[in-house]
Amino acid sequence: MFDTYNSYGCWCGVGGSGETVDEIDKCCQTHDKCWASSTCSWFQKYFGPTYKFKCLDKRTHQMSLKKRSSEKHRKKKDQSTDIVKGVPQCVWDEEFDICAMQLCSCDRSFAECLAKLPVPSAKRECDGQWRPVEGKKPTEKHKATKSTDKAAK
Protein backbone atom coordinates (compact mmCIF):
# COMPACT_ATOMS: atom_id res chain seq x y z
CA MET A 1 0.00 0.00 0.00
CA PHE A 2 2.84 2.41 0.80
CA ASP A 3 4.16 2.24 -2.78
CA THR A 4 0.70 2.98 -4.18
CA TYR A 5 0.45 6.33 -2.44
CA ASN A 6 4.08 7.43 -1.92
CA SER A 7 4.93 10.28 -4.34
CA TYR A 8 1.33 10.38 -5.56
CA GLY A 9 0.30 13.88 -6.61
CA CYS A 10 1.70 16.92 -4.82
CA TRP A 11 1.06 15.91 -1.20
CA CYS A 12 1.51 12.14 -0.77
CA GLY A 13 4.92 11.20 0.59
CA VAL A 14 7.49 13.36 2.35
CA GLY A 15 6.59 17.04 2.30
CA GLY A 16 4.02 18.55 0.02
CA SER A 17 2.86 21.81 -1.50
CA GLY A 18 0.79 23.27 -4.29
CA GLU A 19 -2.67 22.37 -5.48
CA THR A 20 -4.01 18.89 -4.93
CA VAL A 21 -4.47 16.81 -8.08
CA ASP A 22 -7.50 14.80 -6.87
CA GLU A 23 -9.32 13.48 -3.80
CA ILE A 24 -6.49 11.08 -2.86
CA ASP A 25 -4.03 13.98 -2.86
CA LYS A 26 -6.49 15.94 -0.67
CA CYS A 27 -6.40 13.08 1.87
CA CYS A 28 -2.59 13.35 1.90
CA GLN A 29 -2.73 17.14 2.25
CA THR A 30 -5.12 16.87 5.19
CA HIS A 31 -2.84 14.24 6.80
CA ASP A 32 0.24 16.44 6.37
CA LYS A 33 -1.57 19.42 7.88
CA CYS A 34 -2.85 17.27 10.76
CA TRP A 35 0.68 16.12 11.59
CA ALA A 36 1.97 19.70 11.28
CA SER A 37 -0.69 20.95 13.72
CA SER A 38 0.18 18.34 16.36
CA THR A 39 2.10 19.37 19.46
CA CYS A 40 4.75 16.73 18.72
CA SER A 41 8.33 17.83 18.18
CA TRP A 42 9.99 17.13 14.85
CA PHE A 43 11.93 14.29 16.48
CA GLN A 44 8.77 12.75 17.93
CA LYS A 45 7.03 12.87 14.53
CA TYR A 46 9.77 11.18 12.58
CA PHE A 47 11.40 8.93 15.20
CA GLY A 48 8.53 8.95 17.60
CA PRO A 49 6.07 6.74 19.29
CA THR A 50 4.83 3.42 18.10
CA TYR A 51 1.30 2.52 18.96
CA LYS A 52 -0.82 -0.62 18.97
CA PHE A 53 -4.07 -1.18 17.18
CA LYS A 54 -6.62 -3.97 17.25
CA CYS A 55 -8.22 -5.55 14.22
CA LEU A 56 -11.66 -7.13 14.12
CA ASP A 57 -10.04 -10.51 14.80
CA LYS A 58 -8.92 -9.13 18.21
CA ARG A 59 -5.22 -9.70 17.55
CA THR A 60 -3.04 -6.80 18.62
CA HIS A 61 -0.47 -5.47 16.17
CA GLN A 62 2.30 -2.95 16.69
CA MET A 63 2.37 0.01 14.31
CA SER A 64 5.68 1.70 13.64
CA LEU A 65 5.22 5.25 12.43
CA LYS A 66 8.50 5.20 10.50
CA LYS A 67 10.07 1.98 9.24
CA ARG A 68 13.57 3.46 9.06
CA SER A 69 13.58 4.71 12.64
CA SER A 70 16.03 3.04 14.96
CA GLU A 71 14.35 1.08 17.79
CA LYS A 72 16.60 2.74 20.37
CA HIS A 73 15.27 6.17 19.34
CA ARG A 74 11.60 5.21 19.51
CA LYS A 75 9.54 5.91 22.57
CA LYS A 76 8.13 2.75 24.05
CA LYS A 77 4.79 4.31 24.94
CA ASP A 78 1.95 2.76 22.96
CA GLN A 79 -1.37 3.99 21.72
CA SER A 80 -4.24 1.66 20.94
CA THR A 81 -7.08 1.79 18.49
CA ASP A 82 -10.24 -0.25 18.90
CA ILE A 83 -12.89 -0.97 16.33
CA VAL A 84 -16.19 0.64 17.35
CA LYS A 85 -19.01 -0.19 14.94
CA GLY A 86 -16.43 -0.80 12.20
CA VAL A 87 -14.55 2.48 12.77
CA PRO A 88 -11.04 2.43 14.27
CA GLN A 89 -10.75 4.61 17.36
CA CYS A 90 -7.66 5.92 19.14
CA VAL A 91 -8.03 5.23 22.84
CA TRP A 92 -6.05 6.01 25.96
CA ASP A 93 -3.85 3.31 27.42
CA GLU A 94 -2.04 3.16 30.77
CA GLU A 95 1.04 4.86 29.30
CA PHE A 96 -0.80 7.64 27.47
CA ASP A 97 1.36 9.94 25.38
CA ILE A 98 -0.35 13.01 23.88
CA CYS A 99 1.90 12.94 20.83
CA ALA A 100 1.05 9.29 20.08
CA MET A 101 -2.65 10.07 20.51
CA GLN A 102 -2.48 13.01 18.10
CA LEU A 103 -0.55 11.11 15.42
CA CYS A 104 -2.81 8.08 15.85
CA SER A 105 -5.82 10.32 15.27
CA CYS A 106 -4.20 11.82 12.13
CA ASP A 107 -3.37 8.36 10.78
CA ARG A 108 -6.87 7.05 11.54
CA SER A 109 -8.48 9.98 9.71
CA PHE A 110 -6.12 9.47 6.77
CA ALA A 111 -7.01 5.77 6.53
CA GLU A 112 -10.72 6.60 6.69
CA CYS A 113 -10.30 9.21 3.94
CA LEU A 114 -8.47 6.78 1.62
CA ALA A 115 -10.97 3.99 2.37
CA LYS A 116 -13.74 6.07 0.75
CA LEU A 117 -11.83 6.23 -2.54
CA PRO A 118 -10.91 3.61 -5.15
CA VAL A 119 -7.30 2.42 -5.11
CA PRO A 120 -5.59 4.17 -8.03
CA SER A 121 -4.28 2.06 -10.91
CA ALA A 122 -1.60 4.69 -11.67
CA LYS A 123 -0.02 7.62 -9.86
CA ARG A 124 -1.20 11.14 -10.64
CA GLU A 125 1.64 13.54 -11.29
CA CYS A 126 2.19 16.85 -9.57
CA ASP A 127 2.24 19.54 -12.23
CA GLY A 128 3.77 22.14 -9.91
CA GLN A 129 7.40 22.78 -9.06
CA TRP A 130 7.34 20.61 -5.94
CA ARG A 131 7.59 16.94 -6.79
CA PRO A 132 7.04 15.68 -10.32
CA VAL A 133 6.97 11.88 -10.54
CA GLU A 134 10.38 10.59 -11.70
CA GLY A 135 11.26 14.08 -12.99
CA LYS A 136 8.65 13.91 -15.77
CA LYS A 137 6.74 16.93 -16.94
CA PRO A 138 2.95 16.60 -16.90
CA THR A 139 1.50 15.07 -20.03
CA GLU A 140 -1.21 16.74 -22.08
CA LYS A 141 -3.55 13.97 -20.94
CA HIS A 142 -2.83 14.83 -17.28
CA LYS A 143 -3.39 18.54 -17.90
CA ALA A 144 -6.69 17.75 -19.60
CA THR A 145 -7.73 15.48 -16.72
CA LYS A 146 -6.87 18.15 -14.16
CA SER A 147 -8.83 20.77 -16.12
CA THR A 148 -11.78 18.39 -16.26
CA ASP A 149 -11.48 17.79 -12.50
CA LYS A 150 -11.59 21.54 -11.80
CA ALA A 151 -14.50 22.08 -14.20
CA ALA A 152 -16.49 19.37 -12.41
CA LYS A 153 -16.23 21.24 -9.08
C-alpha atoms as a PDB file:
ATOM      1  CA  MET A   1       0.000   0.000   0.000  1.00  0.00           C
ATOM      2  CA  PHE A   2       2.841   2.412   0.797  1.00  0.00           C
ATOM      3  CA  ASP A   3       4.162   2.240  -2.780  1.00  0.00           C
ATOM      4  CA  THR A   4       0.698   2.980  -4.185  1.00  0.00           C
ATOM      5  CA  TYR A   5       0.450   6.335  -2.436  1.00  0.00           C
ATOM      6  CA  ASN A   6       4.077   7.430  -1.916  1.00  0.00           C
ATOM      7  CA  SER A   7       4.933  10.275  -4.339  1.00  0.00           C
ATOM      8  CA  TYR A   8       1.334  10.377  -5.559  1.00  0.00           C
ATOM      9  CA  GLY A   9       0.300  13.876  -6.607  1.00  0.00           C
ATOM     10  CA  CYS A  10       1.703  16.916  -4.818  1.00  0.00           C
ATOM     11  CA  TRP A  11       1.063  15.911  -1.197  1.00  0.00           C
ATOM     12  CA  CYS A  12       1.505  12.142  -0.767  1.00  0.00           C
ATOM     13  CA  GLY A  13       4.924  11.201   0.588  1.00  0.00           C
ATOM     14  CA  VAL A  14       7.488  13.361   2.355  1.00  0.00           C
ATOM     15  CA  GLY A  15       6.586  17.038   2.301  1.00  0.00           C
ATOM     16  CA  GLY A  16       4.023  18.554   0.017  1.00  0.00           C
ATOM     17  CA  SER A  17       2.857  21.806  -1.496  1.00  0.00           C
ATOM     18  CA  GLY A  18       0.786  23.270  -4.287  1.00  0.00           C
ATOM     19  CA  GLU A  19      -2.669  22.370  -5.477  1.00  0.00           C
ATOM     20  CA  THR A  20      -4.007  18.890  -4.928  1.00  0.00           C
ATOM     21  CA  VAL A  21      -4.473  16.811  -8.084  1.00  0.00           C
ATOM     22  CA  ASP A  22      -7.496  14.795  -6.868  1.00  0.00           C
ATOM     23  CA  GLU A  23      -9.318  13.483  -3.797  1.00  0.00           C
ATOM     24  CA  ILE A  24      -6.488  11.080  -2.863  1.00  0.00           C
ATOM     25  CA  ASP A  25      -4.033  13.977  -2.856  1.00  0.00           C
ATOM     26  CA  LYS A  26      -6.488  15.937  -0.667  1.00  0.00           C
ATOM     27  CA  CYS A  27      -6.399  13.077   1.867  1.00  0.00           C
ATOM     28  CA  CYS A  28      -2.595  13.351   1.896  1.00  0.00           C
ATOM     29  CA  GLN A  29      -2.726  17.144   2.246  1.00  0.00           C
ATOM     30  CA  THR A  30      -5.117  16.872   5.191  1.00  0.00           C
ATOM     31  CA  HIS A  31      -2.845  14.240   6.803  1.00  0.00           C
ATOM     32  CA  ASP A  32       0.243  16.437   6.366  1.00  0.00           C
ATOM     33  CA  LYS A  33      -1.569  19.418   7.885  1.00  0.00           C
ATOM     34  CA  CYS A  34      -2.846  17.274  10.761  1.00  0.00           C
ATOM     35  CA  TRP A  35       0.681  16.116  11.587  1.00  0.00           C
ATOM     36  CA  ALA A  36       1.969  19.701  11.277  1.00  0.00           C
ATOM     37  CA  SER A  37      -0.685  20.953  13.721  1.00  0.00           C
ATOM     38  CA  SER A  38       0.181  18.344  16.364  1.00  0.00           C
ATOM     39  CA  THR A  39       2.103  19.374  19.459  1.00  0.00           C
ATOM     40  CA  CYS A  40       4.748  16.729  18.720  1.00  0.00           C
ATOM     41  CA  SER A  41       8.328  17.833  18.183  1.00  0.00           C
ATOM     42  CA  TRP A  42       9.994  17.126  14.845  1.00  0.00           C
ATOM     43  CA  PHE A  43      11.933  14.293  16.484  1.00  0.00           C
ATOM     44  CA  GLN A  44       8.774  12.747  17.925  1.00  0.00           C
ATOM     45  CA  LYS A  45       7.029  12.871  14.533  1.00  0.00           C
ATOM     46  CA  TYR A  46       9.770  11.179  12.579  1.00  0.00           C
ATOM     47  CA  PHE A  47      11.399   8.932  15.198  1.00  0.00           C
ATOM     48  CA  GLY A  48       8.531   8.952  17.605  1.00  0.00           C
ATOM     49  CA  PRO A  49       6.071   6.736  19.290  1.00  0.00           C
ATOM     50  CA  THR A  50       4.831   3.417  18.104  1.00  0.00           C
ATOM     51  CA  TYR A  51       1.300   2.516  18.959  1.00  0.00           C
ATOM     52  CA  LYS A  52      -0.818  -0.616  18.970  1.00  0.00           C
ATOM     53  CA  PHE A  53      -4.065  -1.176  17.179  1.00  0.00           C
ATOM     54  CA  LYS A  54      -6.623  -3.965  17.253  1.00  0.00           C
ATOM     55  CA  CYS A  55      -8.223  -5.548  14.225  1.00  0.00           C
ATOM     56  CA  LEU A  56     -11.659  -7.129  14.119  1.00  0.00           C
ATOM     57  CA  ASP A  57     -10.037 -10.514  14.799  1.00  0.00           C
ATOM     58  CA  LYS A  58      -8.922  -9.129  18.208  1.00  0.00           C
ATOM     59  CA  ARG A  59      -5.215  -9.702  17.545  1.00  0.00           C
ATOM     60  CA  THR A  60      -3.036  -6.798  18.615  1.00  0.00           C
ATOM     61  CA  HIS A  61      -0.470  -5.472  16.169  1.00  0.00           C
ATOM     62  CA  GLN A  62       2.296  -2.949  16.687  1.00  0.00           C
ATOM     63  CA  MET A  63       2.366   0.011  14.307  1.00  0.00           C
ATOM     64  CA  SER A  64       5.683   1.696  13.637  1.00  0.00           C
ATOM     65  CA  LEU A  65       5.224   5.250  12.431  1.00  0.00           C
ATOM     66  CA  LYS A  66       8.501   5.199  10.496  1.00  0.00           C
ATOM     67  CA  LYS A  67      10.071   1.978   9.238  1.00  0.00           C
ATOM     68  CA  ARG A  68      13.573   3.460   9.057  1.00  0.00           C
ATOM     69  CA  SER A  69      13.580   4.710  12.636  1.00  0.00           C
ATOM     70  CA  SER A  70      16.027   3.044  14.964  1.00  0.00           C
ATOM     71  CA  GLU A  71      14.350   1.084  17.786  1.00  0.00           C
ATOM     72  CA  LYS A  72      16.596   2.741  20.373  1.00  0.00           C
ATOM     73  CA  HIS A  73      15.272   6.172  19.340  1.00  0.00           C
ATOM     74  CA  ARG A  74      11.604   5.211  19.511  1.00  0.00           C
ATOM     75  CA  LYS A  75       9.541   5.906  22.567  1.00  0.00           C
ATOM     76  CA  LYS A  76       8.132   2.752  24.052  1.00  0.00           C
ATOM     77  CA  LYS A  77       4.785   4.306  24.941  1.00  0.00           C
ATOM     78  CA  ASP A  78       1.948   2.760  22.961  1.00  0.00           C
ATOM     79  CA  GLN A  79      -1.369   3.989  21.719  1.00  0.00           C
ATOM     80  CA  SER A  80      -4.244   1.665  20.943  1.00  0.00           C
ATOM     81  CA  THR A  81      -7.084   1.793  18.492  1.00  0.00           C
ATOM     82  CA  ASP A  82     -10.236  -0.245  18.898  1.00  0.00           C
ATOM     83  CA  ILE A  83     -12.895  -0.967  16.330  1.00  0.00           C
ATOM     84  CA  VAL A  84     -16.189   0.636  17.354  1.00  0.00           C
ATOM     85  CA  LYS A  85     -19.011  -0.192  14.937  1.00  0.00           C
ATOM     86  CA  GLY A  86     -16.428  -0.796  12.198  1.00  0.00           C
ATOM     87  CA  VAL A  87     -14.550   2.479  12.769  1.00  0.00           C
ATOM     88  CA  PRO A  88     -11.041   2.425  14.270  1.00  0.00           C
ATOM     89  CA  GLN A  89     -10.749   4.614  17.364  1.00  0.00           C
ATOM     90  CA  CYS A  90      -7.665   5.921  19.137  1.00  0.00           C
ATOM     91  CA  VAL A  91      -8.033   5.234  22.837  1.00  0.00           C
ATOM     92  CA  TRP A  92      -6.055   6.009  25.957  1.00  0.00           C
ATOM     93  CA  ASP A  93      -3.850   3.309  27.420  1.00  0.00           C
ATOM     94  CA  GLU A  94      -2.038   3.158  30.769  1.00  0.00           C
ATOM     95  CA  GLU A  95       1.040   4.855  29.299  1.00  0.00           C
ATOM     96  CA  PHE A  96      -0.804   7.644  27.472  1.00  0.00           C
ATOM     97  CA  ASP A  97       1.358   9.939  25.382  1.00  0.00           C
ATOM     98  CA  ILE A  98      -0.353  13.010  23.880  1.00  0.00           C
ATOM     99  CA  CYS A  99       1.904  12.941  20.830  1.00  0.00           C
ATOM    100  CA  ALA A 100       1.054   9.290  20.078  1.00  0.00           C
ATOM    101  CA  MET A 101      -2.648  10.075  20.509  1.00  0.00           C
ATOM    102  CA  GLN A 102      -2.477  13.010  18.098  1.00  0.00           C
ATOM    103  CA  LEU A 103      -0.555  11.107  15.415  1.00  0.00           C
ATOM    104  CA  CYS A 104      -2.814   8.076  15.851  1.00  0.00           C
ATOM    105  CA  SER A 105      -5.816  10.319  15.271  1.00  0.00           C
ATOM    106  CA  CYS A 106      -4.204  11.816  12.135  1.00  0.00           C
ATOM    107  CA  ASP A 107      -3.367   8.362  10.781  1.00  0.00           C
ATOM    108  CA  ARG A 108      -6.868   7.055  11.538  1.00  0.00           C
ATOM    109  CA  SER A 109      -8.479   9.981   9.709  1.00  0.00           C
ATOM    110  CA  PHE A 110      -6.117   9.466   6.771  1.00  0.00           C
ATOM    111  CA  ALA A 111      -7.011   5.767   6.532  1.00  0.00           C
ATOM    112  CA  GLU A 112     -10.724   6.600   6.686  1.00  0.00           C
ATOM    113  CA  CYS A 113     -10.298   9.210   3.941  1.00  0.00           C
ATOM    114  CA  LEU A 114      -8.474   6.782   1.623  1.00  0.00           C
ATOM    115  CA  ALA A 115     -10.965   3.991   2.366  1.00  0.00           C
ATOM    116  CA  LYS A 116     -13.736   6.071   0.752  1.00  0.00           C
ATOM    117  CA  LEU A 117     -11.834   6.229  -2.543  1.00  0.00           C
ATOM    118  CA  PRO A 118     -10.913   3.609  -5.146  1.00  0.00           C
ATOM    119  CA  VAL A 119      -7.299   2.424  -5.109  1.00  0.00           C
ATOM    120  CA  PRO A 120      -5.593   4.168  -8.031  1.00  0.00           C
ATOM    121  CA  SER A 121      -4.284   2.063 -10.909  1.00  0.00           C
ATOM    122  CA  ALA A 122      -1.598   4.687 -11.667  1.00  0.00           C
ATOM    123  CA  LYS A 123      -0.022   7.623  -9.863  1.00  0.00           C
ATOM    124  CA  ARG A 124      -1.199  11.135 -10.637  1.00  0.00           C
ATOM    125  CA  GLU A 125       1.636  13.544 -11.289  1.00  0.00           C
ATOM    126  CA  CYS A 126       2.189  16.849  -9.572  1.00  0.00           C
ATOM    127  CA  ASP A 127       2.235  19.542 -12.227  1.00  0.00           C
ATOM    128  CA  GLY A 128       3.769  22.141  -9.908  1.00  0.00           C
ATOM    129  CA  GLN A 129       7.405  22.783  -9.055  1.00  0.00           C
ATOM    130  CA  TRP A 130       7.342  20.615  -5.940  1.00  0.00           C
ATOM    131  CA  ARG A 131       7.585  16.941  -6.795  1.00  0.00           C
ATOM    132  CA  PRO A 132       7.036  15.682 -10.324  1.00  0.00           C
ATOM    133  CA  VAL A 133       6.975  11.881 -10.545  1.00  0.00           C
ATOM    134  CA  GLU A 134      10.375  10.594 -11.699  1.00  0.00           C
ATOM    135  CA  GLY A 135      11.255  14.076 -12.990  1.00  0.00           C
ATOM    136  CA  LYS A 136       8.647  13.906 -15.774  1.00  0.00           C
ATOM    137  CA  LYS A 137       6.739  16.934 -16.935  1.00  0.00           C
ATOM    138  CA  PRO A 138       2.949  16.603 -16.905  1.00  0.00           C
ATOM    139  CA  THR A 139       1.498  15.066 -20.027  1.00  0.00           C
ATOM    140  CA  GLU A 140      -1.207  16.745 -22.084  1.00  0.00           C
ATOM    141  CA  LYS A 141      -3.552  13.972 -20.942  1.00  0.00           C
ATOM    142  CA  HIS A 142      -2.825  14.830 -17.284  1.00  0.00           C
ATOM    143  CA  LYS A 143      -3.390  18.541 -17.898  1.00  0.00           C
ATOM    144  CA  ALA A 144      -6.686  17.750 -19.602  1.00  0.00           C
ATOM    145  CA  THR A 145      -7.732  15.482 -16.724  1.00  0.00           C
ATOM    146  CA  LYS A 146      -6.867  18.150 -14.158  1.00  0.00           C
ATOM    147  CA  SER A 147      -8.832  20.768 -16.119  1.00  0.00           C
ATOM    148  CA  THR A 148     -11.779  18.388 -16.255  1.00  0.00           C
ATOM    149  CA  ASP A 149     -11.482  17.786 -12.495  1.00  0.00           C
ATOM    150  CA  LYS A 150     -11.592  21.543 -11.797  1.00  0.00           C
ATOM    151  CA  ALA A 151     -14.503  22.085 -14.197  1.00  0.00           C
ATOM    152  CA  ALA A 152     -16.490  19.368 -12.407  1.00  0.00           C
ATOM    153  CA  LYS A 153     -16.232  21.244  -9.082  1.00  0.00           C
END
